[in-house]
PDB file of N, CA and C in Angstrom:
ATOM      1  N   MET A   1      -8.248  11.406   9.024  1.00  0.00           N
ATOM      2  CA  MET A   1      -7.178  10.832  10.150  1.00  0.00           C
ATOM      3  C   MET A   1      -6.738  11.428  10.971  1.00  0.00           C
ATOM      4  N   SER A   2      -6.417  11.072  12.162  1.00  0.00           N
ATOM      5  CA  SER A   2      -5.977  11.854  13.368  1.00  0.00           C
ATOM      6  C   SER A   2      -4.525  12.180  13.435  1.00  0.00           C
ATOM      7  N   TRP A   3      -4.159  13.134  14.159  1.00  0.00           N
ATOM      8  CA  TRP A   3      -2.891  13.441  14.458  1.00  0.00           C
ATOM      9  C   TRP A   3      -1.944  12.199  15.001  1.00  0.00           C
ATOM     10  N   ALA A   4      -2.760  11.370  15.841  1.00  0.00           N
ATOM     11  CA  ALA A   4      -1.919  10.222  16.341  1.00  0.00           C
ATOM     12  C   ALA A   4      -1.593   9.447  15.143  1.00  0.00           C
ATOM     13  N   TYR A   5      -2.423   9.037  14.050  1.00  0.00           N
ATOM     14  CA  TYR A   5      -2.245   8.236  12.983  1.00  0.00           C
ATOM     15  C   TYR A   5      -0.964   8.512  12.295  1.00  0.00           C
ATOM     16  N   TYR A   6      -1.008   9.844  12.160  1.00  0.00           N
ATOM     17  CA  TYR A   6       0.302  10.513  11.389  1.00  0.00           C
ATOM     18  C   TYR A   6       1.558  10.632  12.054  1.00  0.00           C
ATOM     19  N   GLY A   7       1.388  10.695  13.510  1.00  0.00           N
ATOM     20  CA  GLY A   7       2.579  10.601  14.570  1.00  0.00           C
ATOM     21  C   GLY A   7       3.176   9.285  14.482  1.00  0.00           C
ATOM     22  N   ALA A   8       2.312   8.266  14.787  1.00  0.00           N
ATOM     23  CA  ALA A   8       2.561   6.844  14.604  1.00  0.00           C
ATOM     24  C   ALA A   8       3.322   6.672  13.182  1.00  0.00           C
ATOM     25  N   GLY A   9       2.502   7.039  12.148  1.00  0.00           N
ATOM     26  CA  GLY A   9       3.001   6.591  10.819  1.00  0.00           C
ATOM     27  C   GLY A   9       4.372   7.192  10.676  1.00  0.00           C
ATOM     28  N   ALA A  10       4.583   8.437  11.111  1.00  0.00           N
ATOM     29  CA  ALA A  10       6.069   9.154  10.945  1.00  0.00           C
ATOM     30  C   ALA A  10       6.962   8.284  11.716  1.00  0.00           C
ATOM     31  N   LEU A  11       6.729   7.664  12.906  1.00  0.00           N
ATOM     32  CA  LEU A  11       7.629   6.755  13.611  1.00  0.00           C
ATOM     33  C   LEU A  11       7.800   5.535  12.751  1.00  0.00           C
ATOM     34  N   GLY A  12       6.757   5.057  12.291  1.00  0.00           N
ATOM     35  CA  GLY A  12       6.739   3.787  11.409  1.00  0.00           C
ATOM     36  C   GLY A  12       7.833   4.012  10.073  1.00  0.00           C
ATOM     37  N   LEU A  13       7.815   5.212   9.488  1.00  0.00           N
ATOM     38  CA  LEU A  13       8.504   5.417   8.611  1.00  0.00           C
ATOM     39  C   LEU A  13      10.006   5.550   8.733  1.00  0.00           C
ATOM     40  N   LEU A  14      10.197   6.196   9.946  1.00  0.00           N
ATOM     41  CA  LEU A  14      11.505   6.297  10.380  1.00  0.00           C
ATOM     42  C   LEU A  14      12.089   4.934  10.609  1.00  0.00           C
ATOM     43  N   ALA A  15      11.324   4.040  11.373  1.00  0.00           N
ATOM     44  CA  ALA A  15      11.693   2.657  11.760  1.00  0.00           C
ATOM     45  C   ALA A  15      12.150   1.962  10.445  1.00  0.00           C
ATOM     46  N   LEU A  16      11.171   2.070   9.277  1.00  0.00           N
ATOM     47  CA  LEU A  16      11.404   1.478   8.198  1.00  0.00           C
ATOM     48  C   LEU A  16      12.810   1.901   7.487  1.00  0.00           C
ATOM     49  N   ALA A  17      13.015   3.214   7.612  1.00  0.00           N
ATOM     50  CA  ALA A  17      14.324   3.537   7.073  1.00  0.00           C
ATOM     51  C   ALA A  17      15.670   3.137   7.787  1.00  0.00           C
ATOM     52  N   ILE A  18      15.319   3.004   9.092  1.00  0.00           N
ATOM     53  CA  ILE A  18      16.604   2.419  10.019  1.00  0.00           C
ATOM     54  C   ILE A  18      16.648   0.813   9.563  1.00  0.00           C
ATOM     55  N   LEU A  19      15.537   0.117   9.410  1.00  0.00           N
ATOM     56  CA  LEU A  19      15.554  -1.231   9.183  1.00  0.00           C
ATOM     57  C   LEU A  19      16.062  -1.396   7.720  1.00  0.00           C
ATOM     58  N   GLY A  20      15.802  -0.459   6.998  1.00  0.00           N
ATOM     59  CA  GLY A  20      16.325  -0.792   5.459  1.00  0.00           C
ATOM     60  C   GLY A  20      17.892  -0.627   5.486  1.00  0.00           C
ATOM     61  N   GLN A  21      18.448   0.348   6.293  1.00  0.00           N
ATOM     62  CA  GLN A  21      19.918   0.575   6.344  1.00  0.00           C
ATOM     63  C   GLN A  21      20.687  -0.771   6.921  1.00  0.00           C
ATOM     64  N   ILE A  22      19.882  -1.407   7.997  1.00  0.00           N
ATOM     65  CA  ILE A  22      20.351  -2.540   8.650  1.00  0.00           C
ATOM     66  C   ILE A  22      20.315  -3.689   7.714  1.00  0.00           C
ATOM     67  N   ILE A  23      19.382  -3.920   6.878  1.00  0.00           N
ATOM     68  CA  ILE A  23      18.992  -4.970   6.060  1.00  0.00           C
ATOM     69  C   ILE A  23      20.296  -4.847   5.006  1.00  0.00           C
ATOM     70  N   ARG A  24      20.217  -3.631   4.565  1.00  0.00           N
ATOM     71  CA  ARG A  24      21.351  -3.343   3.538  1.00  0.00           C
ATOM     72  C   ARG A  24      22.818  -3.911   4.085  1.00  0.00           C
ATOM     73  N   CYS A  25      23.001  -3.511   5.023  1.00  0.00           N
ATOM     74  CA  CYS A  25      24.294  -3.532   5.836  1.00  0.00           C
ATOM     75  C   CYS A  25      24.520  -5.249   5.916  1.00  0.00           C
ATOM     76  N   TRP A  26      23.507  -6.054   6.397  1.00  0.00           N
ATOM     77  CA  TRP A  26      23.550  -7.542   6.515  1.00  0.00           C
ATOM     78  C   TRP A  26      23.948  -7.999   5.132  1.00  0.00           C
ATOM     79  N   PHE A  27      23.360  -7.595   4.027  1.00  0.00           N
ATOM     80  CA  PHE A  27      23.738  -8.159   2.751  1.00  0.00           C
ATOM     81  C   PHE A  27      24.991  -7.861   2.209  1.00  0.00           C
ATOM     82  N   LYS A  28      25.522  -6.510   2.416  1.00  0.00           N
ATOM     83  CA  LYS A  28      26.670  -5.981   1.853  1.00  0.00           C
ATOM     84  C   LYS A  28      28.051  -6.461   2.612  1.00  0.00           C
ATOM     85  N   ASP A  29      27.751  -6.426   4.027  1.00  0.00           N
ATOM     86  CA  ASP A  29      29.029  -6.574   4.881  1.00  0.00           C
ATOM     87  C   ASP A  29      28.481  -7.277   6.229  1.00  0.00           C
ATOM     88  N   PRO A  30      28.424  -8.414   6.207  1.00  0.00           N
ATOM     89  CA  PRO A  30      27.687  -8.962   7.551  1.00  0.00           C
ATOM     90  C   PRO A  30      28.653  -8.902   8.775  1.00  0.00           C
ATOM     91  N   LYS A  31      29.970  -8.808   8.592  1.00  0.00           N
ATOM     92  CA  LYS A  31      30.829  -8.576   9.718  1.00  0.00           C
ATOM     93  C   LYS A  31      30.603  -7.188  10.450  1.00  0.00           C
ATOM     94  N   ARG A  32      30.498  -6.161   9.568  1.00  0.00           N
ATOM     95  CA  ARG A  32      30.062  -5.092   9.918  1.00  0.00           C
ATOM     96  C   ARG A  32      28.669  -4.898  10.470  1.00  0.00           C
ATOM     97  N   ALA A  33      27.849  -5.555   9.871  1.00  0.00           N
ATOM     98  CA  ALA A  33      26.418  -5.729  10.546  1.00  0.00           C
ATOM     99  C   ALA A  33      26.403  -6.265  12.005  1.00  0.00           C
ATOM    100  N   LEU A  34      27.356  -7.372  12.089  1.00  0.00           N
ATOM    101  CA  LEU A  34      27.413  -8.153  13.422  1.00  0.00           C
ATOM    102  C   LEU A  34      27.744  -6.831  14.521  1.00  0.00           C
ATOM    103  N   ALA A  35      28.784  -6.117  14.137  1.00  0.00           N
ATOM    104  CA  ALA A  35      29.282  -5.151  15.007  1.00  0.00           C
ATOM    105  C   ALA A  35      28.523  -4.114  15.141  1.00  0.00           C
ATOM    106  N   LEU A  36      27.684  -3.609  14.120  1.00  0.00           N
ATOM    107  CA  LEU A  36      26.717  -2.481  14.222  1.00  0.00           C
ATOM    108  C   LEU A  36      25.466  -2.987  15.134  1.00  0.00           C
ATOM    109  N   THR A  37      24.965  -4.138  14.863  1.00  0.00           N
ATOM    110  CA  THR A  37      23.827  -4.527  15.893  1.00  0.00           C
ATOM    111  C   THR A  37      24.187  -5.224  17.020  1.00  0.00           C
ATOM    112  N   THR A  38      25.472  -5.320  17.303  1.00  0.00           N
ATOM    113  CA  THR A  38      25.944  -5.920  18.581  1.00  0.00           C
ATOM    114  C   THR A  38      25.654  -7.526  18.809  1.00  0.00           C
ATOM    115  N   HIS A  39      25.119  -8.139  17.669  1.00  0.00           N
ATOM    116  CA  HIS A  39      24.961  -9.570  17.837  1.00  0.00           C
ATOM    117  C   HIS A  39      26.204 -10.314  17.962  1.00  0.00           C
ATOM    118  N   ASP A  40      25.941 -11.511  18.652  1.00  0.00           N
ATOM    119  CA  ASP A  40      26.909 -12.458  19.028  1.00  0.00           C
ATOM    120  C   ASP A  40      26.623 -13.599  18.339  1.00  0.00           C
ATOM    121  N   PRO A  41      27.286 -14.327  17.295  1.00  0.00           N
ATOM    122  CA  PRO A  41      26.854 -15.497  16.736  1.00  0.00           C
ATOM    123  C   PRO A  41      26.824 -16.758  17.862  1.00  0.00           C
ATOM    124  N   ALA A  42      27.441 -16.601  18.836  1.00  0.00           N
ATOM    125  CA  ALA A  42      26.988 -17.594  19.721  1.00  0.00           C
ATOM    126  C   ALA A  42      25.818 -17.709  20.424  1.00  0.00           C
ATOM    127  N   LEU A  43      25.147 -16.730  20.340  1.00  0.00           N
ATOM    128  CA  LEU A  43      23.779 -16.387  21.053  1.00  0.00           C
ATOM    129  C   LEU A  43      22.702 -16.657  19.852  1.00  0.00           C
ATOM    130  N   PHE A  44      23.148 -16.869  18.709  1.00  0.00           N
ATOM    131  CA  PHE A  44      21.942 -16.903  17.585  1.00  0.00           C
ATOM    132  C   PHE A  44      20.888 -18.039  17.963  1.00  0.00           C
ATOM    133  N   PRO A  45      21.044 -19.066  18.612  1.00  0.00           N
ATOM    134  CA  PRO A  45      19.847 -19.831  19.014  1.00  0.00           C
ATOM    135  C   PRO A  45      18.949 -19.260  19.695  1.00  0.00           C
ATOM    136  N   GLN A  46      19.433 -18.400  20.781  1.00  0.00           N
ATOM    137  CA  GLN A  46      18.373 -17.779  21.623  1.00  0.00           C
ATOM    138  C   GLN A  46      17.940 -16.684  20.887  1.00  0.00           C
ATOM    139  N   VAL A  47      18.747 -15.992  19.864  1.00  0.00           N
ATOM    140  CA  VAL A  47      17.985 -14.851  19.097  1.00  0.00           C
ATOM    141  C   VAL A  47      16.921 -15.316  18.254  1.00  0.00           C
ATOM    142  N   MET A  48      17.237 -16.567  17.592  1.00  0.00           N
ATOM    143  CA  MET A  48      16.232 -17.292  16.967  1.00  0.00           C
ATOM    144  C   MET A  48      14.968 -17.655  17.494  1.00  0.00           C
ATOM    145  N   ALA A  49      15.118 -18.015  18.876  1.00  0.00           N
ATOM    146  CA  ALA A  49      14.069 -18.233  19.752  1.00  0.00           C
ATOM    147  C   ALA A  49      13.274 -17.089  19.849  1.00  0.00           C
ATOM    148  N   GLY A  50      13.832 -15.989  20.029  1.00  0.00           N
ATOM    149  CA  GLY A  50      13.025 -14.588  20.246  1.00  0.00           C
ATOM    150  C   GLY A  50      12.382 -14.211  18.931  1.00  0.00           C
ATOM    151  N   ARG A  51      13.076 -14.478  17.939  1.00  0.00           N
ATOM    152  CA  ARG A  51      12.392 -14.194  16.401  1.00  0.00           C
ATOM    153  C   ARG A  51      10.979 -15.033  16.445  1.00  0.00           C
ATOM    154  N   TYR A  52      11.164 -16.311  16.778  1.00  0.00           N
ATOM    155  CA  TYR A  52       9.952 -17.174  16.706  1.00  0.00           C
ATOM    156  C   TYR A  52       8.879 -16.776  17.642  1.00  0.00           C
ATOM    157  N   ILE A  53       9.256 -16.252  18.747  1.00  0.00           N
ATOM    158  CA  ILE A  53       8.295 -15.826  19.847  1.00  0.00           C
ATOM    159  C   ILE A  53       7.675 -14.450  19.381  1.00  0.00           C
ATOM    160  N   PHE A  54       8.419 -13.710  18.628  1.00  0.00           N
ATOM    161  CA  PHE A  54       7.788 -12.585  17.756  1.00  0.00           C
ATOM    162  C   PHE A  54       6.787 -12.924  16.747  1.00  0.00           C
ATOM    163  N   LEU A  55       7.090 -13.939  15.940  1.00  0.00           N
ATOM    164  CA  LEU A  55       6.450 -14.343  14.708  1.00  0.00           C
ATOM    165  C   LEU A  55       5.054 -14.885  15.472  1.00  0.00           C
ATOM    166  N   ALA A  56       5.081 -15.485  16.577  1.00  0.00           N
ATOM    167  CA  ALA A  56       3.815 -16.111  17.257  1.00  0.00           C
ATOM    168  C   ALA A  56       2.998 -14.955  17.714  1.00  0.00           C
ATOM    169  N   TYR A  57       3.707 -13.990  18.213  1.00  0.00           N
ATOM    170  CA  TYR A  57       3.005 -12.462  18.739  1.00  0.00           C
ATOM    171  C   TYR A  57       2.246 -11.872  17.669  1.00  0.00           C
ATOM    172  N   ILE A  58       2.937 -11.743  16.499  1.00  0.00           N
ATOM    173  CA  ILE A  58       2.412 -11.099  15.279  1.00  0.00           C
ATOM    174  C   ILE A  58       1.162 -11.740  14.779  1.00  0.00           C
ATOM    175  N   LEU A  59       1.255 -13.141  14.855  1.00  0.00           N
ATOM    176  CA  LEU A  59       0.170 -13.953  14.344  1.00  0.00           C
ATOM    177  C   LEU A  59      -1.063 -13.782  15.258  1.00  0.00           C
ATOM    178  N   ALA A  60      -0.794 -13.789  16.647  1.00  0.00           N
ATOM    179  CA  ALA A  60      -1.776 -13.769  17.596  1.00  0.00           C
ATOM    180  C   ALA A  60      -2.638 -12.493  17.445  1.00  0.00           C
ATOM    181  N   LEU A  61      -1.782 -11.389  17.266  1.00  0.00           N
ATOM    182  CA  LEU A  61      -2.519 -10.105  17.002  1.00  0.00           C
ATOM    183  C   LEU A  61      -3.327  -9.807  15.884  1.00  0.00           C
ATOM    184  N   ALA A  62      -2.850 -10.614  14.729  1.00  0.00           N
ATOM    185  CA  ALA A  62      -3.829 -10.633  13.625  1.00  0.00           C
ATOM    186  C   ALA A  62      -4.882 -11.375  13.881  1.00  0.00           C
ATOM    187  N   LEU A  63      -4.811 -12.477  14.583  1.00  0.00           N
ATOM    188  CA  LEU A  63      -5.980 -13.370  14.993  1.00  0.00           C
ATOM    189  C   LEU A  63      -6.857 -12.444  15.754  1.00  0.00           C
ATOM    190  N   LEU A  64      -6.377 -11.941  16.847  1.00  0.00           N
ATOM    191  CA  LEU A  64      -7.266 -10.838  17.648  1.00  0.00           C
ATOM    192  C   LEU A  64      -7.893  -9.831  17.049  1.00  0.00           C
ATOM    193  N   SER A  65      -7.019  -9.429  15.831  1.00  0.00           N
ATOM    194  CA  SER A  65      -7.682  -8.172  15.177  1.00  0.00           C
ATOM    195  C   SER A  65      -8.938  -8.499  14.502  1.00  0.00           C
ATOM    196  N   GLY A  66      -9.175  -9.753  14.222  1.00  0.00           N
ATOM    197  CA  GLY A  66     -10.342 -10.338  13.435  1.00  0.00           C
ATOM    198  C   GLY A  66     -10.416  -9.776  11.972  1.00  0.00           C
ATOM    199  N   SER A  67      -9.275  -9.320  11.557  1.00  0.00           N
ATOM    200  CA  SER A  67      -9.090  -9.043  10.099  1.00  0.00           C
ATOM    201  C   SER A  67      -8.537 -10.298   9.368  1.00  0.00           C
ATOM    202  N   VAL A  68      -9.344 -10.807   8.466  1.00  0.00           N
ATOM    203  CA  VAL A  68      -9.007 -11.890   7.520  1.00  0.00           C
ATOM    204  C   VAL A  68      -7.677 -11.345   6.633  1.00  0.00           C
ATOM    205  N   LEU A  69      -7.570 -10.119   6.336  1.00  0.00           N
ATOM    206  CA  LEU A  69      -6.497  -9.623   5.500  1.00  0.00           C
ATOM    207  C   LEU A  69      -5.197  -9.533   6.307  1.00  0.00           C
ATOM    208  N   ALA A  70      -5.152  -9.197   7.498  1.00  0.00           N
ATOM    209  CA  ALA A  70      -4.326  -9.103   8.538  1.00  0.00           C
ATOM    210  C   ALA A  70      -3.634 -10.539   8.547  1.00  0.00           C
ATOM    211  N   ILE A  71      -4.367 -11.340   8.774  1.00  0.00           N
ATOM    212  CA  ILE A  71      -4.052 -12.901   9.135  1.00  0.00           C
ATOM    213  C   ILE A  71      -3.326 -13.206   7.776  1.00  0.00           C
ATOM    214  N   ALA A  72      -4.123 -13.086   6.478  1.00  0.00           N
ATOM    215  CA  ALA A  72      -3.195 -13.376   5.206  1.00  0.00           C
ATOM    216  C   ALA A  72      -2.069 -12.774   5.197  1.00  0.00           C
ATOM    217  N   ALA A  73      -1.813 -11.488   5.550  1.00  0.00           N
ATOM    218  CA  ALA A  73      -0.507 -10.771   5.420  1.00  0.00           C
ATOM    219  C   ALA A  73       0.481 -11.349   6.119  1.00  0.00           C
ATOM    220  N   VAL A  74       0.075 -11.949   7.560  1.00  0.00           N
ATOM    221  CA  VAL A  74       1.047 -12.456   8.350  1.00  0.00           C
ATOM    222  C   VAL A  74       1.478 -13.871   7.707  1.00  0.00           C
ATOM    223  N   PHE A  75       0.532 -14.547   7.046  1.00  0.00           N
ATOM    224  CA  PHE A  75       1.022 -15.908   6.396  1.00  0.00           C
ATOM    225  C   PHE A  75       1.851 -15.583   5.292  1.00  0.00           C
ATOM    226  N   ALA A  76       1.646 -14.483   4.391  1.00  0.00           N
ATOM    227  CA  ALA A  76       2.409 -14.211   3.525  1.00  0.00           C
ATOM    228  C   ALA A  76       3.899 -13.848   3.877  1.00  0.00           C
ATOM    229  N   GLY A  77       3.885 -13.132   5.019  1.00  0.00           N
ATOM    230  CA  GLY A  77       5.238 -12.780   5.557  1.00  0.00           C
ATOM    231  C   GLY A  77       5.891 -14.211   6.014  1.00  0.00           C
ATOM    232  N   PHE A  78       5.246 -15.179   6.641  1.00  0.00           N
ATOM    233  CA  PHE A  78       5.796 -16.416   7.034  1.00  0.00           C
ATOM    234  C   PHE A  78       6.454 -17.093   5.607  1.00  0.00           C
ATOM    235  N   SER A  79       5.544 -17.074   4.652  1.00  0.00           N
ATOM    236  CA  SER A  79       5.930 -17.702   3.502  1.00  0.00           C
ATOM    237  C   SER A  79       7.419 -17.058   2.866  1.00  0.00           C
ATOM    238  N   PHE A  80       7.205 -15.897   2.979  1.00  0.00           N
ATOM    239  CA  PHE A  80       8.552 -15.057   2.472  1.00  0.00           C
ATOM    240  C   PHE A  80       9.865 -15.670   3.271  1.00  0.00           C
ATOM    241  N   LEU A  81       9.513 -15.655   4.646  1.00  0.00           N
ATOM    242  CA  LEU A  81      10.873 -16.216   5.456  1.00  0.00           C
ATOM    243  C   LEU A  81      10.990 -17.829   5.028  1.00  0.00           C
ATOM    244  N   GLY A  82       9.847 -18.516   4.773  1.00  0.00           N
ATOM    245  CA  GLY A  82      10.393 -19.873   4.463  1.00  0.00           C
ATOM    246  C   GLY A  82      11.080 -19.919   3.292  1.00  0.00           C
ATOM    247  N   PHE A  83      10.700 -19.414   2.210  1.00  0.00           N
ATOM    248  CA  PHE A  83      11.256 -19.371   0.753  1.00  0.00           C
ATOM    249  C   PHE A  83      12.747 -18.687   0.919  1.00  0.00           C
ATOM    250  N   PHE A  84      12.756 -17.601   1.689  1.00  0.00           N
ATOM    251  CA  PHE A  84      14.221 -16.869   1.912  1.00  0.00           C
ATOM    252  C   PHE A  84      15.084 -17.762   2.348  1.00  0.00           C
ATOM    253  N   ASP A  85      14.724 -18.474   3.618  1.00  0.00           N
ATOM    254  CA  ASP A  85      15.698 -19.269   4.165  1.00  0.00           C
ATOM    255  C   ASP A  85      15.864 -20.531   3.278  1.00  0.00           C
ATOM    256  N   ALA A  86      14.921 -21.073   2.451  1.00  0.00           N
ATOM    257  CA  ALA A  86      15.230 -22.218   1.705  1.00  0.00           C
ATOM    258  C   ALA A  86      16.072 -22.011   0.805  1.00  0.00           C
ATOM    259  N   VAL A  87      15.895 -20.915   0.110  1.00  0.00           N
ATOM    260  CA  VAL A  87      17.156 -20.430  -0.907  1.00  0.00           C
ATOM    261  C   VAL A  87      18.466 -20.367  -0.344  1.00  0.00           C
ATOM    262  N   LEU A  88      18.495 -19.726   0.652  1.00  0.00           N
ATOM    263  CA  LEU A  88      19.897 -19.637   1.413  1.00  0.00           C
ATOM    264  C   LEU A  88      20.432 -21.082   1.615  1.00  0.00           C
ATOM    265  N   TYR A  89      19.496 -21.926   2.154  1.00  0.00           N
ATOM    266  CA  TYR A  89      20.225 -23.156   2.524  1.00  0.00           C
ATOM    267  C   TYR A  89      20.549 -24.057   1.416  1.00  0.00           C
ATOM    268  N   ALA A  90      19.583 -24.086   0.397  1.00  0.00           N
ATOM    269  CA  ALA A  90      19.620 -24.840  -0.825  1.00  0.00           C
ATOM    270  C   ALA A  90      21.180 -24.279  -1.568  1.00  0.00           C
ATOM    271  N   ARG A  91      21.243 -22.955  -1.739  1.00  0.00           N
ATOM    272  CA  ARG A  91      22.626 -22.337  -2.516  1.00  0.00           C
ATOM    273  C   ARG A  91      23.723 -22.799  -1.529  1.00  0.00           C
ATOM    274  N   ALA A  92      23.501 -23.083  -0.231  1.00  0.00           N
ATOM    275  CA  ALA A  92      24.847 -23.391   0.583  1.00  0.00           C
ATOM    276  C   ALA A  92      24.960 -24.880   0.438  1.00  0.00           C
ATOM    277  N   GLY A  93      24.056 -25.625  -0.204  1.00  0.00           N
ATOM    278  CA  GLY A  93      24.153 -26.999  -0.173  1.00  0.00           C
ATOM    279  C   GLY A  93      23.741 -27.817   0.983  1.00  0.00           C
ATOM    280  N   LYS A  94      22.843 -27.136   1.804  1.00  0.00           N
ATOM    281  CA  LYS A  94      22.303 -27.619   3.236  1.00  0.00           C
ATOM    282  C   LYS A  94      20.815 -28.197   2.733  1.00  0.00           C
ATOM    283  N   PRO A  95      20.422 -29.137   3.833  1.00  0.00           N
ATOM    284  CA  PRO A  95      18.901 -29.337   3.586  1.00  0.00           C
ATOM    285  C   PRO A  95      18.092 -28.135   3.615  1.00  0.00           C
ATOM    286  N   ALA A  96      17.245 -28.058   2.744  1.00  0.00           N
ATOM    287  CA  ALA A  96      16.223 -26.809   2.809  1.00  0.00           C
ATOM    288  C   ALA A  96      14.709 -27.490   2.914  1.00  0.00           C
ATOM    289  N   ARG A  97      14.463 -28.689   2.717  1.00  0.00           N
ATOM    290  CA  ARG A  97      13.122 -29.101   2.679  1.00  0.00           C
ATOM    291  C   ARG A  97      12.085 -28.669   3.552  1.00  0.00           C
ATOM    292  N   LYS A  98      12.503 -28.681   4.818  1.00  0.00           N
ATOM    293  CA  LYS A  98      11.747 -27.923   5.828  1.00  0.00           C
ATOM    294  C   LYS A  98      11.309 -26.457   5.695  1.00  0.00           C
ATOM    295  N   HIS A  99      12.198 -25.671   5.175  1.00  0.00           N
ATOM    296  CA  HIS A  99      11.987 -24.202   4.752  1.00  0.00           C
ATOM    297  C   HIS A  99      11.036 -24.192   3.430  1.00  0.00           C
ATOM    298  N   TRP A 100      11.285 -25.290   2.425  1.00  0.00           N
ATOM    299  CA  TRP A 100      10.345 -25.159   1.432  1.00  0.00           C
ATOM    300  C   TRP A 100       8.971 -25.389   1.937  1.00  0.00           C
ATOM    301  N   GLN A 101       8.807 -26.336   2.853  1.00  0.00           N
ATOM    302  CA  GLN A 101       7.462 -26.789   3.150  1.00  0.00           C
ATOM    303  C   GLN A 101       6.995 -25.660   3.940  1.00  0.00           C
ATOM    304  N   ALA A 102       7.615 -24.891   4.690  1.00  0.00           N
ATOM    305  CA  ALA A 102       7.046 -23.697   5.454  1.00  0.00           C
ATOM    306  C   ALA A 102       6.588 -22.750   4.506  1.00  0.00           C
ATOM    307  N   GLY A 103       7.426 -22.411   3.586  1.00  0.00           N
ATOM    308  CA  GLY A 103       7.067 -21.368   2.514  1.00  0.00           C
ATOM    309  C   GLY A 103       5.670 -21.761   1.794  1.00  0.00           C
ATOM    310  N   VAL A 104       5.742 -22.968   1.339  1.00  0.00           N
ATOM    311  CA  VAL A 104       4.556 -23.463   0.678  1.00  0.00           C
ATOM    312  C   VAL A 104       3.145 -23.337   1.407  1.00  0.00           C
ATOM    313  N   GLY A 105       3.423 -24.120   2.693  1.00  0.00           N
ATOM    314  CA  GLY A 105       2.186 -24.151   3.550  1.00  0.00           C
ATOM    315  C   GLY A 105       1.948 -22.709   3.963  1.00  0.00           C
ATOM    316  N   SER A 106       2.865 -21.787   4.288  1.00  0.00           N
ATOM    317  CA  SER A 106       2.278 -20.565   4.455  1.00  0.00           C
ATOM    318  C   SER A 106       1.621 -19.773   3.446  1.00  0.00           C
ATOM    319  N   ALA A 107       2.107 -20.064   2.034  1.00  0.00           N
ATOM    320  CA  ALA A 107       1.564 -19.335   1.026  1.00  0.00           C
ATOM    321  C   ALA A 107       0.112 -19.862   0.693  1.00  0.00           C
ATOM    322  N   LEU A 108       0.071 -21.125   1.130  1.00  0.00           N
ATOM    323  CA  LEU A 108      -1.506 -21.740   0.934  1.00  0.00           C
ATOM    324  C   LEU A 108      -2.351 -21.241   2.034  1.00  0.00           C
ATOM    325  N   ALA A 109      -1.880 -21.076   3.085  1.00  0.00           N
ATOM    326  CA  ALA A 109      -2.681 -20.490   4.333  1.00  0.00           C
ATOM    327  C   ALA A 109      -2.817 -18.970   3.806  1.00  0.00           C
ATOM    328  N   ALA A 110      -2.240 -18.026   3.329  1.00  0.00           N
ATOM    329  CA  ALA A 110      -2.303 -16.781   2.729  1.00  0.00           C
ATOM    330  C   ALA A 110      -3.290 -16.792   1.768  1.00  0.00           C
ATOM    331  N   ALA A 111      -3.119 -17.582   0.730  1.00  0.00           N
ATOM    332  CA  ALA A 111      -4.031 -17.808  -0.281  1.00  0.00           C
ATOM    333  C   ALA A 111      -5.479 -18.250   0.019  1.00  0.00           C
ATOM    334  N   LEU A 112      -5.686 -19.175   0.997  1.00  0.00           N
ATOM    335  CA  LEU A 112      -7.093 -19.485   1.677  1.00  0.00           C
ATOM    336  C   LEU A 112      -7.518 -18.420   2.472  1.00  0.00           C
ATOM    337  N   SER A 113      -6.690 -17.641   3.155  1.00  0.00           N
ATOM    338  CA  SER A 113      -7.288 -16.499   3.938  1.00  0.00           C
ATOM    339  C   SER A 113      -7.928 -15.375   3.186  1.00  0.00           C
ATOM    340  N   VAL A 114      -7.107 -15.275   2.125  1.00  0.00           N
ATOM    341  CA  VAL A 114      -7.663 -14.167   1.056  1.00  0.00           C
ATOM    342  C   VAL A 114      -8.955 -14.702   0.219  1.00  0.00           C
ATOM    343  N   SER A 115      -8.951 -16.024   0.051  1.00  0.00           N
ATOM    344  CA  SER A 115     -10.163 -16.693  -0.576  1.00  0.00           C
ATOM    345  C   SER A 115     -11.448 -16.563   0.294  1.00  0.00           C
ATOM    346  N   PHE A 116     -11.183 -16.638   1.611  1.00  0.00           N
ATOM    347  CA  PHE A 116     -12.260 -16.689   2.696  1.00  0.00           C
ATOM    348  C   PHE A 116     -12.907 -15.219   2.752  1.00  0.00           C
ATOM    349  N   TRP A 117     -11.779 -14.310   2.652  1.00  0.00           N
ATOM    350  CA  TRP A 117     -12.186 -12.944   2.764  1.00  0.00           C
ATOM    351  C   TRP A 117     -13.086 -12.558   1.479  1.00  0.00           C
ATOM    352  N   ALA A 118     -12.651 -12.802   0.328  1.00  0.00           N
ATOM    353  CA  ALA A 118     -13.446 -12.852  -0.914  1.00  0.00           C
ATOM    354  C   ALA A 118     -14.736 -13.294  -0.991  1.00  0.00           C
ATOM    355  N   ILE A 119     -14.895 -14.574  -0.394  1.00  0.00           N
ATOM    356  CA  ILE A 119     -16.130 -15.164  -0.319  1.00  0.00           C
ATOM    357  C   ILE A 119     -17.030 -14.543   0.503  1.00  0.00           C
ATOM    358  N   ALA A 120     -16.522 -14.044   1.748  1.00  0.00           N
ATOM    359  CA  ALA A 120     -17.379 -13.348   2.601  1.00  0.00           C
ATOM    360  C   ALA A 120     -17.880 -12.038   2.381  1.00  0.00           C
ATOM    361  N   ALA A 121     -17.034 -11.540   1.407  1.00  0.00           N
ATOM    362  CA  ALA A 121     -17.290  -9.894   1.040  1.00  0.00           C
ATOM    363  C   ALA A 121     -18.391  -9.759   0.327  1.00  0.00           C
TER     364      ALA A 121
END
């Protein structure tokens, strides 16, 4: 592996550490996390739009990579998000059906992608 891989990998590990701290803060003290990340709840609809644009970007990159496993990994991530949101909404007594459907649909897409990879190998 090249020095570029190790350099990019080191940056990735640093980013994971920072993200881990932010995630922990969101679970332990959401008000502090809002202040730390300077998010404004009034702008959450636009923030969510940005998140969906990012998800589409990640999927497009996986599709362009030509890697079936990368595509499966993206679908697995989508599944996690669907199930995570479904549990949050269900616990709060809110409608969660669409989130459950997204989780199941994405899990099926991930499983099918891995199946295609296994068959082609």
